[in-house]
Amino acid sequence: MAKYPTLTATAREEFGKGFARRLRRDGRIPGVIYSGATENVHFSVDRLEFTAVVRNDGANAIVEFDIDGEKHLTMVKHVDQNVLTFDIDHVDMLAIKRGERVEVEVPVEVEGEPEPGLMYVQDADVILVEADVLEIPDSFTVSVEDLGLEDKIYAENVTLPEGVTLVADPETLIVSITVPEEEPEETDATEEGAGKEEIAGEEGSESAPETTGEGEE
């Protein structure tokens, strides 16, 4: 991920829920750039432009913001999404430097099919690694092709690119191979019981006493 987009943003001097709502109504996202060395920078950015970056580059997206002519190199720290519309409501960014190494969780993708009649279970969706901040992998791929029953893939079995080191426990389980669970079928006993209930109901209706009309006025 050596390449990264540059987005033009606007410095924010107003705060509060009311101001944030007005920004979102105008198609902008409020955000903060956090830095341990300097003061935090409050900004707003076009929603469509920023959403496209997150959609294309994922949770570890690197973004350079141009705020009033000053460049800020950042990576996504946290994204708040609206629970109803899934629009991004707010974003926290972390200030970074070129050449800096960071610990990040990288998604794991599974490809291939195990032996016939078996299935795989993905036990971990991400792996914690350390990498150059501008060379964070988009994802790791593990293959389950032709794996047999009870075969397993651990974090230590995942092939990492050069310059990326494993931080997670090497014995973290990523994928395991198992037998699919069979769906319960209706048994003969169940059908037989239903039949008996139906017969009993018919017999009960036949044995019911007939009314003679005696006693009626």
N, C-alpha and C. Protein backbone atom coordinates (compact mmCIF):
# COMPACT_ATOMS: atom_id res chain seq x y z
N MET A 1 0.84 -1.19 0.00
CA MET A 1 0.00 0.00 0.00
C MET A 1 0.88 1.25 0.00
N ALA A 2 1.87 1.29 -0.91
CA ALA A 2 2.78 2.41 -0.97
C ALA A 2 2.08 3.67 -1.48
N LYS A 3 1.05 3.50 -2.31
CA LYS A 3 0.32 4.63 -2.83
C LYS A 3 -0.86 4.93 -1.92
N TYR A 4 -1.20 6.21 -1.82
CA TYR A 4 -2.32 6.61 -0.98
C TYR A 4 -2.93 7.87 -1.56
N PRO A 5 -4.23 8.07 -1.33
CA PRO A 5 -4.90 9.25 -1.88
C PRO A 5 -4.65 10.49 -1.03
N THR A 6 -4.77 11.64 -1.66
CA THR A 6 -4.74 12.92 -0.96
C THR A 6 -6.11 13.56 -1.08
N LEU A 7 -6.74 13.83 0.05
CA LEU A 7 -8.06 14.45 0.07
C LEU A 7 -7.97 15.85 0.65
N THR A 8 -8.69 16.77 0.04
CA THR A 8 -8.76 18.13 0.56
C THR A 8 -9.80 18.18 1.67
N ALA A 9 -9.38 18.67 2.83
CA ALA A 9 -10.27 18.76 3.98
C ALA A 9 -10.29 20.20 4.50
N THR A 10 -11.24 20.46 5.38
CA THR A 10 -11.41 21.81 5.93
C THR A 10 -11.25 21.76 7.44
N ALA A 11 -10.48 22.69 7.97
CA ALA A 11 -10.30 22.75 9.42
C ALA A 11 -11.64 23.08 10.09
N ARG A 12 -11.85 22.48 11.28
CA ARG A 12 -13.09 22.66 12.03
C ARG A 12 -12.80 23.42 13.31
N GLU A 13 -13.56 24.50 13.54
CA GLU A 13 -13.41 25.25 14.78
C GLU A 13 -14.69 25.22 15.61
N GLU A 14 -15.76 24.72 15.04
CA GLU A 14 -17.02 24.54 15.78
C GLU A 14 -17.18 23.08 16.14
N PHE A 15 -17.83 22.82 17.27
CA PHE A 15 -18.00 21.45 17.75
C PHE A 15 -19.43 21.26 18.24
N GLY A 16 -19.73 20.05 18.65
CA GLY A 16 -21.06 19.77 19.16
C GLY A 16 -21.88 18.97 18.18
N LYS A 17 -22.94 18.32 18.70
CA LYS A 17 -23.79 17.47 17.88
C LYS A 17 -24.54 18.25 16.81
N GLY A 18 -24.97 19.47 17.17
CA GLY A 18 -25.71 20.26 16.20
C GLY A 18 -24.87 20.61 14.99
N PHE A 19 -23.63 21.02 15.22
CA PHE A 19 -22.74 21.37 14.11
C PHE A 19 -22.41 20.13 13.29
N ALA A 20 -22.20 18.99 13.97
CA ALA A 20 -21.90 17.75 13.26
C ALA A 20 -23.06 17.34 12.37
N ARG A 21 -24.28 17.50 12.86
CA ARG A 21 -25.46 17.17 12.05
C ARG A 21 -25.54 18.05 10.81
N ARG A 22 -25.20 19.34 10.95
CA ARG A 22 -25.23 20.24 9.79
C ARG A 22 -24.18 19.82 8.77
N LEU A 23 -23.01 19.41 9.24
CA LEU A 23 -21.97 18.94 8.33
C LEU A 23 -22.45 17.72 7.54
N ARG A 24 -23.04 16.77 8.27
CA ARG A 24 -23.50 15.55 7.60
C ARG A 24 -24.63 15.85 6.62
N ARG A 25 -25.47 16.81 6.97
CA ARG A 25 -26.56 17.20 6.08
C ARG A 25 -26.00 17.80 4.79
N ASP A 26 -24.83 18.43 4.89
CA ASP A 26 -24.19 19.04 3.72
C ASP A 26 -23.26 18.06 2.99
N GLY A 27 -23.30 16.79 3.39
CA GLY A 27 -22.50 15.78 2.69
C GLY A 27 -21.06 15.71 3.14
N ARG A 28 -20.78 16.13 4.37
CA ARG A 28 -19.42 16.10 4.88
C ARG A 28 -19.35 15.27 6.16
N ILE A 29 -18.15 14.77 6.44
CA ILE A 29 -17.92 13.94 7.63
C ILE A 29 -17.00 14.69 8.58
N PRO A 30 -17.40 14.85 9.85
CA PRO A 30 -16.47 15.42 10.84
C PRO A 30 -15.45 14.38 11.25
N GLY A 31 -14.24 14.83 11.57
CA GLY A 31 -13.19 13.90 11.98
C GLY A 31 -12.14 14.57 12.82
N VAL A 32 -11.25 13.74 13.40
CA VAL A 32 -10.15 14.22 14.23
C VAL A 32 -8.89 13.45 13.86
N ILE A 33 -7.77 14.17 13.74
CA ILE A 33 -6.47 13.53 13.56
C ILE A 33 -5.76 13.56 14.91
N TYR A 34 -5.49 12.37 15.45
CA TYR A 34 -4.83 12.27 16.75
C TYR A 34 -3.32 12.12 16.56
N SER A 35 -2.57 12.87 17.38
CA SER A 35 -1.11 12.82 17.31
C SER A 35 -0.54 12.99 18.71
N GLY A 36 0.46 12.18 19.04
CA GLY A 36 1.07 12.30 20.35
C GLY A 36 2.06 13.45 20.43
N ALA A 37 2.49 13.96 19.27
CA ALA A 37 3.52 15.00 19.26
C ALA A 37 2.94 16.40 19.17
N THR A 38 1.80 16.55 18.51
CA THR A 38 1.20 17.87 18.33
C THR A 38 -0.27 17.83 18.76
N GLU A 39 -0.90 18.99 18.70
CA GLU A 39 -2.31 19.05 19.06
C GLU A 39 -3.16 18.31 18.03
N ASN A 40 -4.28 17.78 18.51
CA ASN A 40 -5.19 17.10 17.60
C ASN A 40 -5.75 18.10 16.59
N VAL A 41 -6.00 17.60 15.39
CA VAL A 41 -6.53 18.45 14.31
C VAL A 41 -7.97 18.04 14.03
N HIS A 42 -8.89 18.98 14.14
CA HIS A 42 -10.30 18.72 13.85
C HIS A 42 -10.60 19.19 12.42
N PHE A 43 -11.29 18.35 11.66
CA PHE A 43 -11.50 18.65 10.25
C PHE A 43 -12.83 18.09 9.78
N SER A 44 -13.21 18.44 8.56
CA SER A 44 -14.34 17.79 7.88
C SER A 44 -13.90 17.49 6.46
N VAL A 45 -14.48 16.41 5.89
CA VAL A 45 -14.08 15.96 4.56
C VAL A 45 -15.32 15.49 3.81
N ASP A 46 -15.28 15.55 2.50
CA ASP A 46 -16.40 15.12 1.68
C ASP A 46 -16.72 13.65 1.94
N ARG A 47 -18.00 13.35 2.22
CA ARG A 47 -18.40 11.99 2.58
C ARG A 47 -18.13 11.00 1.44
N LEU A 48 -18.51 11.35 0.23
CA LEU A 48 -18.36 10.42 -0.88
C LEU A 48 -16.89 10.09 -1.15
N GLU A 49 -16.02 11.10 -1.09
CA GLU A 49 -14.60 10.88 -1.35
C GLU A 49 -13.99 9.98 -0.28
N PHE A 50 -14.31 10.26 0.98
CA PHE A 50 -13.71 9.47 2.06
C PHE A 50 -14.29 8.06 2.07
N THR A 51 -15.59 7.91 1.84
CA THR A 51 -16.21 6.59 1.82
C THR A 51 -15.59 5.72 0.73
N ALA A 52 -15.29 6.31 -0.42
CA ALA A 52 -14.66 5.57 -1.51
C ALA A 52 -13.28 5.04 -1.11
N VAL A 53 -12.53 5.83 -0.34
CA VAL A 53 -11.21 5.39 0.12
C VAL A 53 -11.33 4.19 1.05
N VAL A 54 -12.24 4.26 2.01
CA VAL A 54 -12.42 3.16 2.96
C VAL A 54 -12.92 1.91 2.23
N ARG A 55 -13.81 2.09 1.27
CA ARG A 55 -14.34 0.95 0.53
C ARG A 55 -13.23 0.28 -0.29
N ASN A 56 -12.33 1.07 -0.87
CA ASN A 56 -11.28 0.51 -1.72
C ASN A 56 -10.09 -0.03 -0.93
N ASP A 57 -9.70 0.65 0.16
CA ASP A 57 -8.47 0.32 0.88
C ASP A 57 -8.70 -0.38 2.20
N GLY A 58 -9.94 -0.46 2.67
CA GLY A 58 -10.23 -1.22 3.87
C GLY A 58 -10.01 -0.46 5.16
N ALA A 59 -10.04 -1.25 6.26
CA ALA A 59 -10.01 -0.66 7.60
C ALA A 59 -8.67 -0.02 7.94
N ASN A 60 -7.60 -0.39 7.21
CA ASN A 60 -6.27 0.18 7.49
C ASN A 60 -5.87 1.21 6.45
N ALA A 61 -6.85 1.89 5.86
CA ALA A 61 -6.58 2.84 4.78
C ALA A 61 -5.64 3.95 5.23
N ILE A 62 -4.72 4.30 4.32
CA ILE A 62 -3.82 5.42 4.53
C ILE A 62 -4.34 6.60 3.72
N VAL A 63 -4.46 7.76 4.36
CA VAL A 63 -5.00 8.95 3.69
C VAL A 63 -4.11 10.14 4.03
N GLU A 64 -3.78 10.93 3.00
CA GLU A 64 -3.12 12.21 3.24
C GLU A 64 -4.16 13.31 3.10
N PHE A 65 -4.31 14.12 4.15
CA PHE A 65 -5.25 15.22 4.12
C PHE A 65 -4.50 16.53 3.84
N ASP A 66 -5.06 17.31 2.94
CA ASP A 66 -4.57 18.67 2.70
C ASP A 66 -5.54 19.61 3.39
N ILE A 67 -5.11 20.14 4.54
CA ILE A 67 -5.96 21.02 5.34
C ILE A 67 -5.35 22.41 5.33
N ASP A 68 -5.98 23.31 4.60
CA ASP A 68 -5.50 24.70 4.48
C ASP A 68 -4.06 24.73 4.01
N GLY A 69 -3.72 23.85 3.07
CA GLY A 69 -2.38 23.85 2.49
C GLY A 69 -1.36 23.05 3.27
N GLU A 70 -1.73 22.53 4.43
CA GLU A 70 -0.80 21.72 5.23
C GLU A 70 -1.14 20.25 5.08
N LYS A 71 -0.12 19.42 4.78
CA LYS A 71 -0.34 18.00 4.53
C LYS A 71 -0.24 17.21 5.84
N HIS A 72 -1.19 16.27 6.02
CA HIS A 72 -1.22 15.41 7.19
C HIS A 72 -1.33 13.95 6.70
N LEU A 73 -0.30 13.17 6.94
CA LEU A 73 -0.33 11.76 6.56
C LEU A 73 -0.95 10.98 7.72
N THR A 74 -2.00 10.20 7.43
CA THR A 74 -2.76 9.54 8.50
C THR A 74 -3.17 8.13 8.09
N MET A 75 -3.60 7.37 9.08
CA MET A 75 -4.25 6.09 8.81
C MET A 75 -5.52 6.00 9.65
N VAL A 76 -6.49 5.22 9.17
CA VAL A 76 -7.77 5.11 9.86
C VAL A 76 -7.57 4.48 11.23
N LYS A 77 -8.12 5.12 12.24
CA LYS A 77 -8.09 4.59 13.60
C LYS A 77 -9.44 4.00 13.97
N HIS A 78 -10.52 4.74 13.67
CA HIS A 78 -11.87 4.25 13.98
C HIS A 78 -12.88 4.98 13.11
N VAL A 79 -13.88 4.23 12.65
CA VAL A 79 -14.95 4.80 11.83
C VAL A 79 -16.28 4.54 12.50
N ASP A 80 -17.07 5.60 12.70
CA ASP A 80 -18.43 5.47 13.23
C ASP A 80 -19.40 5.47 12.07
N GLN A 81 -20.25 4.42 12.00
CA GLN A 81 -21.25 4.33 10.95
C GLN A 81 -22.65 4.44 11.54
N ASN A 82 -23.54 5.07 10.79
CA ASN A 82 -24.94 5.15 11.19
C ASN A 82 -25.55 3.76 11.14
N VAL A 83 -26.22 3.34 12.21
CA VAL A 83 -26.74 1.97 12.29
C VAL A 83 -27.89 1.74 11.31
N LEU A 84 -28.52 2.80 10.84
CA LEU A 84 -29.65 2.65 9.92
C LEU A 84 -29.23 2.81 8.46
N THR A 85 -28.45 3.86 8.17
CA THR A 85 -28.09 4.16 6.78
C THR A 85 -26.72 3.59 6.39
N PHE A 86 -25.89 3.23 7.40
CA PHE A 86 -24.52 2.76 7.20
C PHE A 86 -23.61 3.85 6.63
N ASP A 87 -24.09 5.10 6.59
CA ASP A 87 -23.22 6.21 6.22
C ASP A 87 -22.20 6.44 7.32
N ILE A 88 -21.02 6.92 6.94
CA ILE A 88 -19.99 7.24 7.93
C ILE A 88 -20.39 8.56 8.61
N ASP A 89 -20.51 8.53 9.93
CA ASP A 89 -20.91 9.71 10.70
C ASP A 89 -19.72 10.47 11.27
N HIS A 90 -18.63 9.76 11.54
CA HIS A 90 -17.46 10.40 12.15
C HIS A 90 -16.26 9.49 11.93
N VAL A 91 -15.08 10.09 11.84
CA VAL A 91 -13.88 9.28 11.65
C VAL A 91 -12.75 9.80 12.53
N ASP A 92 -12.04 8.86 13.16
CA ASP A 92 -10.83 9.18 13.91
C ASP A 92 -9.63 8.70 13.09
N MET A 93 -8.67 9.58 12.89
CA MET A 93 -7.47 9.25 12.13
C MET A 93 -6.25 9.36 13.04
N LEU A 94 -5.21 8.60 12.73
CA LEU A 94 -3.97 8.59 13.51
C LEU A 94 -2.85 9.17 12.66
N ALA A 95 -2.20 10.21 13.16
CA ALA A 95 -1.09 10.81 12.43
C ALA A 95 0.08 9.81 12.38
N ILE A 96 0.69 9.66 11.19
CA ILE A 96 1.80 8.72 11.01
C ILE A 96 2.94 9.40 10.28
N LYS A 97 4.09 8.71 10.26
CA LYS A 97 5.27 9.20 9.54
C LYS A 97 5.77 8.13 8.60
N ARG A 98 6.33 8.53 7.48
CA ARG A 98 6.91 7.59 6.54
C ARG A 98 8.04 6.81 7.21
N GLY A 99 8.07 5.50 6.99
CA GLY A 99 9.10 4.67 7.59
C GLY A 99 8.72 4.14 8.96
N GLU A 100 7.62 4.64 9.53
CA GLU A 100 7.16 4.18 10.84
C GLU A 100 6.57 2.78 10.73
N ARG A 101 6.80 1.95 11.74
CA ARG A 101 6.20 0.62 11.79
C ARG A 101 5.06 0.62 12.80
N VAL A 102 3.98 -0.05 12.43
CA VAL A 102 2.79 -0.06 13.29
C VAL A 102 2.26 -1.47 13.41
N GLU A 103 1.52 -1.71 14.49
CA GLU A 103 0.82 -2.99 14.66
C GLU A 103 -0.61 -2.82 14.16
N VAL A 104 -1.02 -3.71 13.27
CA VAL A 104 -2.36 -3.61 12.69
C VAL A 104 -2.97 -5.00 12.55
N GLU A 105 -4.28 -5.06 12.53
CA GLU A 105 -4.99 -6.31 12.26
C GLU A 105 -5.33 -6.36 10.77
N VAL A 106 -4.85 -7.41 10.11
CA VAL A 106 -5.06 -7.56 8.67
C VAL A 106 -6.07 -8.69 8.43
N PRO A 107 -7.06 -8.46 7.57
CA PRO A 107 -8.08 -9.49 7.30
C PRO A 107 -7.48 -10.75 6.67
N VAL A 108 -8.12 -11.90 6.96
CA VAL A 108 -7.71 -13.18 6.39
C VAL A 108 -8.81 -13.68 5.46
N GLU A 109 -8.41 -14.05 4.24
CA GLU A 109 -9.36 -14.60 3.27
C GLU A 109 -9.03 -16.07 3.02
N VAL A 110 -10.06 -16.89 2.87
CA VAL A 110 -9.89 -18.33 2.67
C VAL A 110 -10.25 -18.68 1.22
N GLU A 111 -9.40 -19.50 0.58
CA GLU A 111 -9.70 -19.95 -0.77
C GLU A 111 -9.56 -21.46 -0.87
N GLY A 112 -10.20 -22.05 -1.89
CA GLY A 112 -10.13 -23.48 -2.11
C GLY A 112 -11.22 -24.26 -1.40
N GLU A 113 -11.22 -25.57 -1.62
CA GLU A 113 -12.19 -26.46 -1.01
C GLU A 113 -11.47 -27.65 -0.38
N PRO A 114 -11.88 -28.06 0.84
CA PRO A 114 -11.27 -29.24 1.46
C PRO A 114 -11.73 -30.51 0.75
N GLU A 115 -11.33 -31.67 1.27
CA GLU A 115 -11.72 -32.95 0.67
C GLU A 115 -13.24 -33.06 0.60
N PRO A 116 -13.75 -33.84 -0.37
CA PRO A 116 -15.20 -33.98 -0.52
C PRO A 116 -15.88 -34.42 0.77
N GLY A 117 -17.04 -33.81 1.05
CA GLY A 117 -17.80 -34.15 2.24
C GLY A 117 -17.39 -33.39 3.48
N LEU A 118 -16.38 -32.52 3.35
CA LEU A 118 -15.91 -31.75 4.51
C LEU A 118 -16.15 -30.27 4.28
N MET A 119 -16.02 -29.50 5.35
CA MET A 119 -16.17 -28.05 5.27
C MET A 119 -15.12 -27.39 6.15
N TYR A 120 -14.86 -26.11 5.90
CA TYR A 120 -13.91 -25.39 6.76
C TYR A 120 -14.66 -24.41 7.65
N VAL A 121 -14.09 -24.16 8.82
CA VAL A 121 -14.61 -23.16 9.76
C VAL A 121 -13.52 -22.13 9.97
N GLN A 122 -13.83 -20.85 9.70
CA GLN A 122 -12.84 -19.80 9.90
C GLN A 122 -12.95 -19.30 11.34
N ASP A 123 -11.91 -19.59 12.12
CA ASP A 123 -11.93 -19.26 13.55
C ASP A 123 -11.42 -17.85 13.83
N ALA A 124 -10.63 -17.28 12.92
CA ALA A 124 -10.12 -15.91 13.10
C ALA A 124 -10.25 -15.17 11.78
N ASP A 125 -10.81 -13.96 11.84
CA ASP A 125 -11.00 -13.16 10.63
C ASP A 125 -9.83 -12.23 10.36
N VAL A 126 -9.00 -11.97 11.37
CA VAL A 126 -7.86 -11.06 11.22
C VAL A 126 -6.64 -11.63 11.94
N ILE A 127 -5.46 -11.14 11.54
CA ILE A 127 -4.21 -11.51 12.21
C ILE A 127 -3.47 -10.23 12.57
N LEU A 128 -2.99 -10.14 13.79
CA LEU A 128 -2.23 -8.98 14.24
C LEU A 128 -0.78 -9.11 13.79
N VAL A 129 -0.30 -8.11 13.04
CA VAL A 129 1.06 -8.12 12.52
C VAL A 129 1.68 -6.74 12.71
N GLU A 130 2.99 -6.67 12.47
CA GLU A 130 3.69 -5.39 12.46
C GLU A 130 4.23 -5.16 11.06
N ALA A 131 4.04 -3.95 10.54
CA ALA A 131 4.47 -3.65 9.17
C ALA A 131 4.81 -2.18 9.03
N ASP A 132 5.54 -1.87 7.97
CA ASP A 132 5.78 -0.48 7.61
C ASP A 132 4.42 0.16 7.33
N VAL A 133 4.21 1.35 7.86
CA VAL A 133 2.89 1.98 7.78
C VAL A 133 2.43 2.19 6.35
N LEU A 134 3.36 2.28 5.39
CA LEU A 134 2.98 2.47 4.00
C LEU A 134 3.00 1.16 3.21
N GLU A 135 3.25 0.04 3.90
CA GLU A 135 3.28 -1.26 3.23
C GLU A 135 2.39 -2.28 3.93
N ILE A 136 1.30 -1.81 4.49
CA ILE A 136 0.37 -2.72 5.19
C ILE A 136 -0.37 -3.56 4.15
N PRO A 137 -0.33 -4.89 4.25
CA PRO A 137 -1.06 -5.72 3.29
C PRO A 137 -2.57 -5.49 3.38
N ASP A 138 -3.25 -5.59 2.25
CA ASP A 138 -4.70 -5.45 2.25
C ASP A 138 -5.34 -6.65 2.93
N SER A 139 -4.76 -7.84 2.74
CA SER A 139 -5.29 -9.06 3.33
C SER A 139 -4.26 -10.18 3.20
N PHE A 140 -4.49 -11.27 3.93
CA PHE A 140 -3.71 -12.50 3.80
C PHE A 140 -4.64 -13.58 3.24
N THR A 141 -4.09 -14.47 2.43
CA THR A 141 -4.89 -15.55 1.86
C THR A 141 -4.35 -16.89 2.33
N VAL A 142 -5.24 -17.75 2.82
CA VAL A 142 -4.87 -19.11 3.19
C VAL A 142 -5.69 -20.08 2.35
N SER A 143 -5.08 -21.19 1.96
CA SER A 143 -5.76 -22.17 1.12
C SER A 143 -6.13 -23.41 1.93
N VAL A 144 -7.37 -23.87 1.72
CA VAL A 144 -7.83 -25.11 2.36
C VAL A 144 -7.98 -26.22 1.33
N GLU A 145 -7.41 -26.01 0.14
CA GLU A 145 -7.56 -26.97 -0.95
C GLU A 145 -7.07 -28.35 -0.54
N ASP A 146 -7.99 -29.35 -0.64
CA ASP A 146 -7.69 -30.76 -0.39
C ASP A 146 -7.27 -31.06 1.05
N LEU A 147 -7.55 -30.16 1.99
CA LEU A 147 -7.25 -30.47 3.38
C LEU A 147 -8.22 -31.54 3.89
N GLY A 148 -7.74 -32.37 4.85
CA GLY A 148 -8.53 -33.46 5.37
C GLY A 148 -9.15 -33.16 6.72
N LEU A 149 -9.93 -34.12 7.22
CA LEU A 149 -10.63 -33.96 8.48
C LEU A 149 -9.66 -33.65 9.61
N GLU A 150 -10.01 -32.63 10.40
CA GLU A 150 -9.26 -32.19 11.58
C GLU A 150 -7.95 -31.49 11.22
N ASP A 151 -7.70 -31.23 9.93
CA ASP A 151 -6.55 -30.39 9.57
C ASP A 151 -6.81 -28.97 10.07
N LYS A 152 -5.75 -28.27 10.42
CA LYS A 152 -5.88 -26.91 10.96
C LYS A 152 -4.80 -26.00 10.38
N ILE A 153 -5.13 -24.73 10.29
CA ILE A 153 -4.16 -23.71 9.88
C ILE A 153 -4.04 -22.71 11.03
N TYR A 154 -2.80 -22.51 11.48
CA TYR A 154 -2.53 -21.58 12.58
C TYR A 154 -1.87 -20.31 12.03
N ALA A 155 -1.79 -19.29 12.87
CA ALA A 155 -1.19 -18.03 12.46
C ALA A 155 0.23 -18.23 11.95
N GLU A 156 0.97 -19.14 12.56
CA GLU A 156 2.35 -19.37 12.15
C GLU A 156 2.44 -20.01 10.76
N ASN A 157 1.33 -20.55 10.26
CA ASN A 157 1.32 -21.19 8.94
C ASN A 157 1.02 -20.20 7.82
N VAL A 158 0.62 -18.97 8.17
CA VAL A 158 0.26 -17.98 7.16
C VAL A 158 1.53 -17.35 6.59
N THR A 159 1.62 -17.33 5.27
CA THR A 159 2.78 -16.74 4.60
C THR A 159 2.67 -15.22 4.64
N LEU A 160 3.66 -14.56 5.24
CA LEU A 160 3.66 -13.11 5.37
C LEU A 160 4.62 -12.50 4.35
N PRO A 161 4.27 -11.35 3.80
CA PRO A 161 5.17 -10.67 2.87
C PRO A 161 6.46 -10.23 3.55
N GLU A 162 7.47 -9.97 2.77
CA GLU A 162 8.75 -9.50 3.31
C GLU A 162 8.54 -8.19 4.05
N GLY A 163 9.11 -8.08 5.23
CA GLY A 163 8.99 -6.86 6.02
C GLY A 163 7.82 -6.86 6.98
N VAL A 164 6.98 -7.90 6.90
CA VAL A 164 5.84 -8.02 7.81
C VAL A 164 6.12 -9.12 8.82
N THR A 165 5.96 -8.83 10.09
CA THR A 165 6.25 -9.81 11.14
C THR A 165 4.98 -10.11 11.94
N LEU A 166 4.91 -11.34 12.42
CA LEU A 166 3.75 -11.78 13.18
C LEU A 166 3.81 -11.27 14.61
N VAL A 167 2.71 -10.67 15.09
CA VAL A 167 2.60 -10.21 16.47
C VAL A 167 1.67 -11.13 17.25
N ALA A 168 0.65 -11.65 16.58
CA ALA A 168 -0.31 -12.55 17.23
C ALA A 168 0.39 -13.81 17.71
N ASP A 169 -0.23 -14.51 18.65
CA ASP A 169 0.26 -15.79 19.12
C ASP A 169 0.36 -16.74 17.91
N PRO A 170 1.55 -17.34 17.67
CA PRO A 170 1.70 -18.24 16.52
C PRO A 170 0.69 -19.38 16.50
N GLU A 171 0.18 -19.77 17.68
CA GLU A 171 -0.76 -20.89 17.74
C GLU A 171 -2.22 -20.43 17.66
N THR A 172 -2.44 -19.17 17.26
CA THR A 172 -3.81 -18.70 17.05
C THR A 172 -4.44 -19.49 15.91
N LEU A 173 -5.58 -20.12 16.18
CA LEU A 173 -6.25 -20.93 15.17
C LEU A 173 -6.95 -20.04 14.15
N ILE A 174 -6.64 -20.27 12.88
CA ILE A 174 -7.23 -19.48 11.81
C ILE A 174 -8.36 -20.24 11.12
N VAL A 175 -8.08 -21.48 10.71
CA VAL A 175 -9.07 -22.29 9.99
C VAL A 175 -8.98 -23.73 10.48
N SER A 176 -10.12 -24.39 10.61
CA SER A 176 -10.15 -25.81 10.94
C SER A 176 -11.10 -26.52 9.99
N ILE A 177 -10.83 -27.81 9.74
CA ILE A 177 -11.63 -28.62 8.83
C ILE A 177 -12.48 -29.59 9.64
N THR A 178 -13.76 -29.65 9.29
CA THR A 178 -14.68 -30.49 10.05
C THR A 178 -15.73 -31.09 9.13
N VAL A 179 -16.63 -31.88 9.71
CA VAL A 179 -17.73 -32.50 8.97
C VAL A 179 -18.97 -31.61 9.11
N PRO A 180 -19.68 -31.35 8.03
CA PRO A 180 -20.89 -30.53 8.12
C PRO A 180 -21.91 -31.16 9.06
N GLU A 181 -22.62 -30.35 9.80
CA GLU A 181 -23.67 -30.86 10.68
C GLU A 181 -24.88 -31.25 9.83
N GLU A 182 -25.42 -32.45 10.13
CA GLU A 182 -26.58 -32.92 9.39
C GLU A 182 -27.85 -32.31 9.96
N GLU A 183 -28.76 -31.93 9.07
CA GLU A 183 -30.03 -31.39 9.52
C GLU A 183 -30.91 -32.52 10.04
N PRO A 184 -31.57 -32.34 11.17
CA PRO A 184 -32.42 -33.39 11.73
C PRO A 184 -33.57 -33.72 10.79
N GLU A 185 -33.83 -35.04 10.61
CA GLU A 185 -34.92 -35.48 9.76
C GLU A 185 -36.07 -36.00 10.61
N GLU A 186 -37.29 -35.96 10.05
CA GLU A 186 -38.45 -36.49 10.77
C GLU A 186 -38.33 -38.00 10.84
N THR A 187 -38.50 -38.55 12.03
CA THR A 187 -38.37 -39.99 12.22
C THR A 187 -39.69 -40.70 11.99
N ASP A 188 -39.61 -42.02 11.77
CA ASP A 188 -40.82 -42.82 11.60
C ASP A 188 -41.69 -42.77 12.85
N ALA A 189 -41.01 -42.71 14.01
CA ALA A 189 -41.74 -42.68 15.28
C ALA A 189 -42.63 -41.44 15.36
N THR A 190 -42.08 -40.32 14.86
CA THR A 190 -42.86 -39.09 14.89
C THR A 190 -44.09 -39.21 14.01
N GLU A 191 -43.87 -39.78 12.79
CA GLU A 191 -44.99 -39.95 11.87
C GLU A 191 -46.02 -40.93 12.44
N GLU A 192 -45.49 -42.02 13.09
CA GLU A 192 -46.39 -43.03 13.66
C GLU A 192 -47.23 -42.43 14.78
N GLY A 193 -46.58 -41.58 15.62
CA GLY A 193 -47.30 -40.95 16.71
C GLY A 193 -48.40 -40.04 16.20
N ALA A 194 -48.08 -39.30 15.11
CA ALA A 194 -49.09 -38.42 14.54
C ALA A 194 -50.27 -39.23 14.01
N GLY A 195 -49.97 -40.41 13.42
CA GLY A 195 -51.03 -41.27 12.89
C GLY A 195 -51.92 -41.79 13.99
N LYS A 196 -51.33 -42.18 15.12
CA LYS A 196 -52.12 -42.69 16.24
C LYS A 196 -53.04 -41.62 16.79
N GLU A 197 -52.54 -40.37 16.87
CA GLU A 197 -53.37 -39.29 17.37
C GLU A 197 -54.57 -39.07 16.47
N GLU A 198 -54.35 -39.19 15.15
CA GLU A 198 -55.45 -38.99 14.20
C GLU A 198 -56.51 -40.09 14.35
N ILE A 199 -56.04 -41.36 14.51
CA ILE A 199 -56.96 -42.48 14.68
C ILE A 199 -57.76 -42.33 15.97
N ALA A 200 -57.05 -41.94 17.04
CA ALA A 200 -57.72 -41.77 18.34
C ALA A 200 -58.79 -40.70 18.24
N GLY A 201 -58.51 -39.66 17.48
CA GLY A 201 -59.49 -38.60 17.33
C GLY A 201 -60.74 -39.08 16.60
N GLU A 202 -60.52 -39.91 15.56
CA GLU A 202 -61.66 -40.44 14.82
C GLU A 202 -62.51 -41.36 15.69
N GLU A 203 -61.84 -42.25 16.48
CA GLU A 203 -62.57 -43.17 17.35
C GLU A 203 -63.37 -42.41 18.39
N GLY A 204 -62.80 -41.34 18.92
CA GLY A 204 -63.49 -40.57 19.94
C GLY A 204 -64.75 -39.93 19.39
N SER A 205 -64.71 -39.49 18.15
CA SER A 205 -65.89 -38.86 17.58
C SER A 205 -66.98 -39.87 17.29
N GLU A 206 -66.59 -41.14 16.94
CA GLU A 206 -67.59 -42.17 16.65
C GLU A 206 -68.28 -42.64 17.92
N SER A 207 -67.59 -42.67 19.04
CA SER A 207 -68.16 -43.20 20.28
C SER A 207 -68.94 -42.16 21.07
N ALA A 208 -68.99 -40.95 20.56
CA ALA A 208 -69.72 -39.92 21.29
C ALA A 208 -71.20 -40.25 21.35
N PRO A 209 -71.89 -40.11 22.49
CA PRO A 209 -73.31 -40.46 22.62
C PRO A 209 -74.18 -39.55 21.77
N GLU A 210 -75.26 -40.17 21.21
CA GLU A 210 -76.18 -39.39 20.40
C GLU A 210 -77.17 -38.67 21.31
N THR A 211 -77.58 -37.51 20.90
CA THR A 211 -78.59 -36.78 21.68
C THR A 211 -79.98 -37.16 21.19
N THR A 212 -80.91 -37.30 22.11
CA THR A 212 -82.30 -37.73 21.79
C THR A 212 -83.29 -36.58 21.80
N GLY A 213 -82.81 -35.50 22.33
CA GLY A 213 -83.73 -34.36 22.41
C GLY A 213 -84.57 -34.38 23.67
N GLU A 214 -84.45 -35.45 24.51
CA GLU A 214 -85.20 -35.52 25.76
C GLU A 214 -84.70 -34.46 26.71
N GLY A 215 -85.62 -33.85 27.38
CA GLY A 215 -85.25 -32.81 28.35
C GLY A 215 -85.29 -31.44 27.75
N GLU A 216 -85.36 -31.32 26.43
CA GLU A 216 -85.43 -30.01 25.81
C GLU A 216 -86.82 -29.46 25.87
N GLU A 217 -86.91 -28.21 26.02
CA GLU A 217 -88.24 -27.58 26.08
C GLU A 217 -88.50 -26.80 24.80
